[in-house]
Protein backbone atom coordinates (compact mmCIF):
# COMPACT_ATOMS: atom_id res chain seq x y z
CA MET A 1 115.42 15.71 118.98
CA ASP A 2 116.24 19.22 120.04
CA ASP A 3 113.91 21.92 121.35
CA LEU A 4 110.65 21.15 119.57
CA SER A 5 108.09 23.76 120.51
CA PHE A 6 104.68 24.16 118.89
CA ALA A 7 101.01 24.62 119.71
CA LEU A 8 98.04 23.04 117.94
CA GLU A 9 94.53 24.36 117.54
CA ALA A 10 91.18 22.55 117.43
CA GLY A 11 90.16 21.89 113.85
CA GLU A 12 93.74 22.01 112.55
CA ILE A 13 95.62 19.49 110.42
CA PHE A 14 99.32 19.65 111.26
CA ALA A 15 101.84 17.57 109.30
CA LEU A 16 105.26 16.44 110.47
CA LEU A 17 107.67 16.06 107.56
CA GLY A 18 111.24 14.85 107.51
CA PRO A 19 113.55 12.01 106.44
CA ASN A 20 113.68 8.67 108.20
CA GLY A 21 115.18 9.12 111.64
CA ALA A 22 114.16 12.77 111.91
CA GLY A 23 112.05 12.11 115.00
CA LYS A 24 108.52 12.18 113.58
CA THR A 25 107.33 8.90 115.12
CA THR A 26 109.07 9.69 118.40
CA THR A 27 107.22 13.02 118.49
CA LEU A 28 103.89 11.26 117.94
CA ARG A 29 104.66 8.78 120.70
CA MET A 30 105.43 11.63 123.09
CA LEU A 31 102.21 13.42 122.12
CA ALA A 32 100.32 10.18 122.79
CA GLY A 33 101.83 9.92 126.27
CA LEU A 34 103.64 6.66 125.49
CA ILE A 35 107.09 8.10 126.23
CA GLU A 36 108.11 11.14 128.23
CA PRO A 37 110.14 14.02 126.82
CA THR A 38 113.65 14.25 128.28
CA SER A 39 112.95 17.91 129.03
CA GLY A 40 110.06 20.30 128.71
CA PHE A 41 106.42 19.26 128.78
CA ILE A 42 103.31 18.52 126.73
CA ARG A 43 99.98 20.11 127.58
CA VAL A 44 96.61 18.72 126.56
CA GLY A 45 93.83 21.24 127.09
CA GLY A 46 95.97 23.09 129.62
CA GLN A 47 96.88 19.96 131.59
CA VAL A 48 100.44 18.65 131.60
CA LEU A 49 100.73 15.15 130.13
CA SER A 50 102.69 13.75 133.07
CA ARG A 51 103.13 10.12 134.03
CA HIS A 52 100.44 10.57 136.65
CA ALA A 53 97.97 12.29 134.29
CA ALA A 54 98.72 10.25 131.17
CA PRO A 55 96.22 7.41 131.78
CA ARG A 56 93.40 9.95 132.12
CA LEU A 57 94.47 12.25 129.27
CA ARG A 58 95.06 9.38 126.85
CA GLY A 59 91.30 9.06 126.65
CA ARG A 60 91.34 12.30 124.65
CA ILE A 61 93.99 11.03 122.23
CA GLY A 62 93.81 8.51 119.40
CA LEU A 63 97.01 7.10 117.87
CA LEU A 64 97.29 5.26 114.56
CA THR A 65 100.65 3.52 114.36
CA GLU A 66 102.49 3.03 111.08
CA THR A 67 101.49 -0.64 110.99
CA PRO A 68 97.87 -1.60 111.82
CA GLY A 69 98.92 -3.86 114.70
CA LEU A 70 95.78 -5.98 114.70
CA TRP A 71 95.47 -9.35 116.42
CA GLU A 72 95.35 -11.43 113.28
CA ARG A 73 93.55 -14.44 114.75
CA LEU A 74 90.77 -12.30 116.19
CA THR A 75 87.87 -11.09 114.10
CA VAL A 76 87.45 -7.45 113.17
CA ARG A 77 84.73 -7.09 115.79
CA GLN A 78 86.81 -8.76 118.47
CA ASN A 79 89.75 -6.47 117.74
CA LEU A 80 87.56 -3.43 118.24
CA LEU A 81 85.84 -4.84 121.33
CA VAL A 82 89.17 -5.30 123.07
CA TYR A 83 89.97 -1.62 122.66
CA ALA A 84 86.45 -0.47 123.50
CA ARG A 85 86.82 -2.27 126.83
CA LEU A 86 90.33 -0.93 127.38
CA TYR A 87 88.90 2.57 126.94
CA ARG A 88 86.15 1.59 129.41
CA LEU A 89 83.39 2.74 127.09
CA SER A 90 80.00 2.50 128.79
CA ASP A 91 78.50 0.41 125.98
CA ALA A 92 81.41 -1.27 124.22
CA ALA A 93 79.24 -3.36 121.88
CA ALA A 94 77.26 -0.32 120.68
CA ALA A 95 80.46 1.67 120.14
CA VAL A 96 81.88 -1.13 118.02
CA ASP A 97 78.67 -1.41 116.00
CA GLU A 98 78.80 2.32 115.32
CA ALA A 99 82.47 2.15 114.26
CA LEU A 100 81.83 -0.79 111.94
CA GLU A 101 79.00 1.13 110.31
CA ALA A 102 80.96 4.38 110.04
CA PHE A 103 83.93 2.72 108.34
CA GLY A 104 81.96 0.46 106.02
CA LEU A 105 82.99 -2.66 107.90
CA ARG A 106 79.62 -3.96 109.04
CA ASP A 107 79.82 -6.96 106.69
CA ARG A 108 83.41 -7.74 107.73
CA GLY A 109 82.89 -7.89 111.49
CA ARG A 110 83.17 -11.69 111.62
CA ASP A 111 86.21 -11.88 109.34
CA ALA A 112 89.55 -12.72 110.92
CA ALA A 113 92.01 -9.85 110.63
CA VAL A 114 94.49 -12.12 108.86
CA GLU A 115 92.06 -12.45 105.94
CA LEU A 116 91.85 -8.71 105.26
CA SER A 117 93.64 -6.74 102.58
CA LYS A 118 96.09 -4.04 103.64
CA GLY A 119 93.54 -1.35 102.87
CA LEU A 120 90.88 -3.04 105.01
CA LYS A 121 93.33 -3.58 107.86
CA GLN A 122 94.14 0.12 107.78
CA ARG A 123 90.44 0.93 107.85
CA VAL A 124 89.99 -1.27 110.94
CA ALA A 125 92.99 0.40 112.57
CA LEU A 126 91.46 3.82 111.89
CA ALA A 127 88.15 2.67 113.36
CA ARG A 128 90.06 1.52 116.46
CA THR A 129 91.88 4.87 116.67
CA LEU A 130 88.60 6.81 116.68
CA LEU A 131 86.54 4.34 118.70
CA HIS A 132 86.54 6.52 121.83
CA ARG A 133 85.95 9.81 119.92
CA PRO A 134 89.29 11.45 120.76
CA ASP A 135 89.80 15.21 120.52
CA ILE A 136 93.36 14.71 119.28
CA VAL A 137 94.11 12.27 116.47
CA LEU A 138 97.71 11.22 115.74
CA LEU A 139 98.28 9.44 112.43
CA ASP A 140 101.63 7.87 111.55
CA GLU A 141 101.86 7.31 107.78
CA PRO A 142 98.09 6.74 107.47
CA THR A 143 98.11 6.01 103.71
CA ALA A 144 101.42 4.18 103.34
CA GLY A 145 101.01 1.30 100.90
CA LEU A 146 97.33 1.95 100.25
CA ASP A 147 95.79 1.93 96.79
CA PRO A 148 94.61 5.33 95.43
CA GLU A 149 90.96 4.73 96.36
CA SER A 150 91.77 3.76 99.96
CA ALA A 151 94.17 6.71 100.28
CA ARG A 152 91.43 9.04 99.07
CA ASP A 153 89.04 7.62 101.69
CA VAL A 154 91.61 8.34 104.40
CA ARG A 155 92.05 11.93 103.21
CA GLU A 156 88.29 12.46 103.24
CA LEU A 157 88.16 11.05 106.78
CA VAL A 158 90.88 13.45 107.91
CA ARG A 159 88.98 16.40 106.43
CA ARG A 160 85.83 15.25 108.20
CA LEU A 161 87.70 15.12 111.50
CA ARG A 162 88.85 18.69 110.95
CA SER A 163 85.25 19.77 110.32
CA GLU A 164 84.40 18.20 113.69
CA ARG A 165 86.96 20.52 115.32
CA ARG A 166 89.38 17.75 116.17
CA THR A 167 93.12 18.31 116.15
CA ILE A 168 94.96 16.06 113.69
CA VAL A 169 98.71 15.47 113.55
CA ILE A 170 100.01 13.48 110.58
CA SER A 171 103.46 12.08 110.00
CA SER A 172 103.95 11.39 106.31
CA HIS A 173 106.45 11.07 103.47
CA ASN A 174 103.69 11.70 100.94
CA LEU A 175 104.23 15.41 100.23
CA ASP A 176 101.51 15.57 97.59
CA GLU A 177 98.98 14.25 100.09
CA VAL A 178 100.14 16.65 102.82
CA GLU A 179 99.90 19.56 100.40
CA ARG A 180 96.25 18.68 99.78
CA ILE A 181 95.10 18.58 103.38
CA ALA A 182 97.54 20.19 105.85
CA ASP A 183 96.92 23.63 107.35
CA ARG A 184 100.48 23.84 108.70
CA VAL A 185 103.61 21.75 108.31
CA GLY A 186 106.65 21.26 110.49
CA VAL A 187 109.74 20.17 108.56
CA MET A 188 112.12 18.48 110.96
CA ARG A 189 115.52 16.87 111.13
CA ALA A 190 116.13 16.33 114.85
CA ARG A 191 114.73 19.85 115.29
CA PHE A 192 112.31 22.02 113.34
CA LEU A 193 113.89 23.48 110.22
CA ALA A 194 110.67 25.37 109.50
CA LEU A 195 107.12 25.52 110.80
CA ASP A 196 104.38 27.43 109.00
CA THR A 197 101.65 27.16 106.39
CA PRO A 198 102.78 25.74 103.03
CA ALA A 199 102.05 29.13 101.41
CA ALA A 200 104.13 31.06 103.96
CA LEU A 201 107.06 28.64 103.61
CA HIS A 202 106.92 29.04 99.84
CA ALA A 203 106.96 32.83 100.09
CA ARG A 204 109.85 32.75 102.55
CA LEU A 205 112.03 30.44 100.47
CA PHE A 206 111.09 31.40 96.92
CA GLY A 207 109.56 34.87 97.24
CA ALA A 208 106.19 35.95 95.91
CA ARG A 209 105.41 35.47 92.24
CA VAL A 210 102.42 36.19 90.03
CA ARG A 211 101.58 33.93 87.09
CA VAL A 212 99.72 35.36 84.09
CA SER A 213 98.23 33.14 81.39
CA LEU A 214 97.82 34.80 77.97
CA ARG A 215 96.18 33.98 74.66
CA GLN A 216 99.35 35.05 72.82
CA PRO A 217 102.98 33.91 73.16
CA ALA A 218 104.26 35.36 76.42
CA ALA A 219 107.81 36.27 75.34
CA ALA A 220 106.54 39.30 73.39
CA PHE A 221 105.31 40.92 76.63
CA ALA A 222 108.29 40.32 78.92
CA ASP A 223 109.92 43.61 77.86
CA VAL A 224 106.70 45.48 78.63
CA LEU A 225 106.91 44.39 82.27
CA ALA A 226 110.67 44.95 82.41
CA ARG A 227 110.12 48.59 81.39
CA ALA A 228 107.51 48.82 84.15
CA GLY A 229 110.22 48.00 86.70
CA PHE A 230 109.86 44.27 87.20
CA ALA A 231 113.29 42.63 87.26
CA ASP A 232 112.60 38.87 87.41
CA ILE A 233 110.31 37.84 84.56
CA GLN A 234 110.09 34.33 83.15
CA ALA A 235 108.24 33.67 79.88
CA GLN A 236 107.29 30.21 78.67
CA ASP A 237 104.83 29.47 75.90
CA ARG A 238 101.77 31.55 76.88
CA MET A 239 102.69 31.98 80.52
CA LEU A 240 104.45 34.82 82.34
CA SER A 241 105.89 34.38 85.84
CA ILE A 242 106.80 37.65 87.58
CA ALA A 243 108.60 38.10 90.93
CA VAL A 244 106.94 40.76 93.08
CA ASP A 245 107.59 42.33 96.48
CA ASP A 246 103.93 43.13 97.14
CA GLU A 247 101.49 40.85 95.35
CA GLU A 248 98.39 42.95 96.00
CA GLY A 249 100.09 46.18 94.97
CA ALA A 250 101.90 44.79 91.93
CA THR A 251 99.14 42.71 90.33
CA PRO A 252 96.99 45.67 89.13
CA THR A 253 100.09 47.26 87.56
CA ILE A 254 100.99 44.03 85.78
CA VAL A 255 97.47 43.60 84.41
CA ARG A 256 97.19 47.24 83.31
CA ARG A 257 100.55 47.28 81.49
CA LEU A 258 99.81 44.02 79.72
CA VAL A 259 96.33 45.10 78.60
CA GLU A 260 97.66 48.46 77.38
CA SER A 261 100.22 46.62 75.27
CA GLY A 262 97.55 44.45 73.65
CA ALA A 263 97.83 41.29 75.72
CA GLU A 264 94.73 39.12 76.09
CA ILE A 265 94.77 37.82 79.66
CA VAL A 266 93.22 34.45 80.43
CA SER A 267 94.02 34.26 84.15
CA VAL A 268 96.12 35.83 86.90
CA ILE A 269 97.03 33.73 89.93
CA ARG A 270 99.51 33.59 92.77
CA GLU A 271 102.29 31.20 91.85
CA GLN A 272 103.25 28.62 94.43
CA ALA A 273 106.11 26.18 94.48
CA ARG A 274 105.09 22.64 95.27
CA LEU A 275 105.57 21.49 98.83
CA GLU A 276 108.16 19.07 97.48
CA ASP A 277 110.27 22.03 96.29
CA VAL A 278 109.95 23.71 99.70
CA TYR A 279 110.89 20.47 101.48
CA LEU A 280 113.94 19.80 99.30
CA ARG A 281 115.16 23.38 99.69
CA LEU A 282 114.97 23.06 103.47
CA MET A 283 116.72 19.68 103.40
CA GLU A 284 119.62 21.26 101.51
CA ARG A 285 120.35 23.46 104.50
CA ARG A 286 122.46 22.26 107.39
CA PRO A 287 120.56 21.62 110.62
C-alpha cells in the first residue's frame, strides 16, 4: 500500500472498496493494531497506536475478521466468555449474558459453535466484536455468504452503531450494501483512487444531472430544453435526464420551460449513478 491518509469521525460509516489484493484487510489489521505500518502512524483519539500503546488502545477497537474464527468445540457462551476475560471485563458473565440477549442468542448459549449455521456463527462473531463496547468497529466482509435476512440484520446493527456515535469501518465487495449504509467510501488499489461521499464521487466522475418524470412521452420535450440552452439531454419513455452545471440554479429553469410547453411533471430529482458505476469507472483508470 502507498500513502493512505484519512481521518474518521465518531458516528461515521466508512467503507473500503477495492479488488482482492488491494489492501483492504491489511488496512483493517493496521487500524486494529495487529500489524504496524511501515511508515507513518495511526492515531486513536489523539494517541498514536504504537507497539507500546496498542494493548491499551485495542480496548477501544473491535475487529470482525472475514471468517468468524470461533472455537468450534466450545459453546457459544464459552466462546464469548474467553474474550470477555481477555478484555478483562469486570463482570465477564454479565457482559456475555447481555451480548447473548442483544444478538438474539440467549437460547443458543449452550450450543457448540460447530452446530451453528453460517448466519448464526456470524452473529456470535459480531457479539464477540462488540462485547467490550468499542468506540471503533472494524468489519471485514460482515455479510459475506449470509442469507438476505441475516444480511439485513447486520446492516441494521451497523446503523444502530452509527446512532450510538461509534466509528465503523467496513471492507466489502457488496457495493449495493455499501451504497445503502456508507457515509463515505475509499476506493483503493494499493493506494486510494478516490475518497469521498458516494454523491460527491458521482458528481466528480459523471457530472450533475437532473431527472424529470413526465406524464407524456419525454422525447417531445427534449427540443424545448435544447432551445433553453441545455446541451446534454437524454429522453427515454416518460423520463428526461438533463446534464447541468448548477443543479439548484438550473432546476427552476427546467421546470418552468417544461410547464410552459405543456408538460405534466410527475417528479424532479437529482440523478445519481449507482456506486457500482462509480467503482468501475475508477477501476478503469491506472493507479
